[in-house]
Protein backbone atom coordinates (compact mmCIF):
# COMPACT_ATOMS: atom_id res chain seq x y z
CA MET A 1 -6.31 20.31 13.51
CA SER A 2 -5.48 21.54 17.02
CA ARG A 3 -2.48 23.68 17.82
CA HIS A 4 -0.14 22.53 20.56
CA THR A 5 1.16 25.36 22.69
CA LYS A 6 4.39 25.27 24.60
CA PRO A 7 3.74 24.88 28.33
CA GLY A 8 4.64 27.83 30.52
CA ARG A 9 7.14 27.52 33.33
CA ASN A 10 4.42 27.69 35.98
CA ASP A 11 1.99 25.29 34.28
CA LEU A 12 1.62 21.79 35.64
CA CYS A 13 3.87 19.28 33.93
CA ALA A 14 2.27 17.03 31.31
CA CYS A 15 3.99 13.92 32.70
CA GLY A 16 1.41 13.72 35.49
CA SER A 17 3.80 14.21 38.41
CA GLY A 18 1.83 17.18 39.76
CA LYS A 19 4.97 19.33 39.74
CA LYS A 20 5.33 22.60 37.89
CA PHE A 21 6.90 22.26 34.45
CA LYS A 22 9.89 24.43 35.44
CA THR A 23 10.94 21.98 38.18
CA CYS A 24 10.04 18.75 36.44
CA CYS A 25 10.62 18.43 32.71
CA GLU A 26 11.90 21.82 31.53
CA GLU A 27 15.58 20.84 31.79
CA LYS A 28 14.88 17.52 30.08
CA ARG A 29 13.35 19.24 27.04
CA GLY A 30 15.98 21.87 26.38
CA THR A 31 19.65 22.41 26.94
CA SER A 32 20.24 23.93 30.34
CA TRP A 33 22.58 26.88 30.76
CA ARG A 34 25.06 24.64 32.63
CA SER A 35 25.30 22.36 29.62
CA ARG A 36 25.88 25.33 27.35
CA VAL A 37 28.66 26.70 29.58
CA LEU A 38 30.33 23.29 29.77
CA LEU A 39 30.09 22.89 26.01
CA ALA A 40 31.64 26.35 25.49
CA LEU A 41 34.52 25.52 27.85
CA VAL A 42 35.23 22.22 26.12
CA ALA A 43 35.13 23.91 22.70
CA ALA A 44 37.51 26.65 23.91
CA ALA A 45 39.93 24.01 25.26
CA ILE A 46 39.89 22.13 21.97
CA VAL A 47 40.42 25.29 19.91
CA GLY A 48 43.23 26.38 22.25
CA GLY A 49 44.90 22.99 22.02
CA VAL A 50 44.73 22.97 18.25
CA ALA A 51 46.08 26.52 18.07
CA ALA A 52 48.96 25.65 20.42
CA GLY A 53 49.77 22.58 18.34
CA VAL A 54 49.78 24.56 15.12
CA MET A 55 51.95 27.30 16.63
CA SER A 56 54.51 24.82 17.96
CA TYR A 57 54.51 22.54 14.90
CA GLY A 58 57.28 24.34 13.02
CA GLU A 59 59.37 24.87 16.16
CA SER A 60 59.47 21.25 17.24
CA SER A 61 60.23 19.87 13.79
CA SER A 62 63.20 22.20 13.20
CA ALA A 63 64.71 21.91 16.70
CA THR A 64 66.01 18.34 16.45
CA GLY A 65 66.46 15.87 13.65
CA LEU A 66 66.76 12.13 13.61
CA PRO A 67 70.19 10.68 14.44
CA GLY A 68 72.51 11.01 11.46
CA GLN A 69 70.63 13.92 9.90
CA VAL A 70 72.08 17.40 9.41
CA TRP A 71 70.31 20.74 9.24
CA SER A 72 70.10 22.36 5.81
CA PRO A 73 69.74 26.14 6.24
CA GLU A 74 68.93 26.71 2.58
CA HIS A 75 66.04 24.23 2.67
CA GLY A 76 64.94 24.88 6.25
CA HIS A 77 64.81 21.21 7.31
CA PHE A 78 66.98 18.19 8.15
CA HIS A 79 68.57 15.87 5.56
């Protein structure tokens, strides 16, 4: 059984293009650093949005009630 070794960055690409692996198929095989940065930014935006929603949840629900409802201070919500 033969062992397959990972091609080096300066080895010729296995696709037969004649280009070096680092300029041909390296980005196709793994996640590039740009993709990782973009993914981190999207994740931070989602986490920030969820945190902002959670923080403002109690404020928005107690600020106004539906028409005809009155605020009950002892219960902390509208009736």
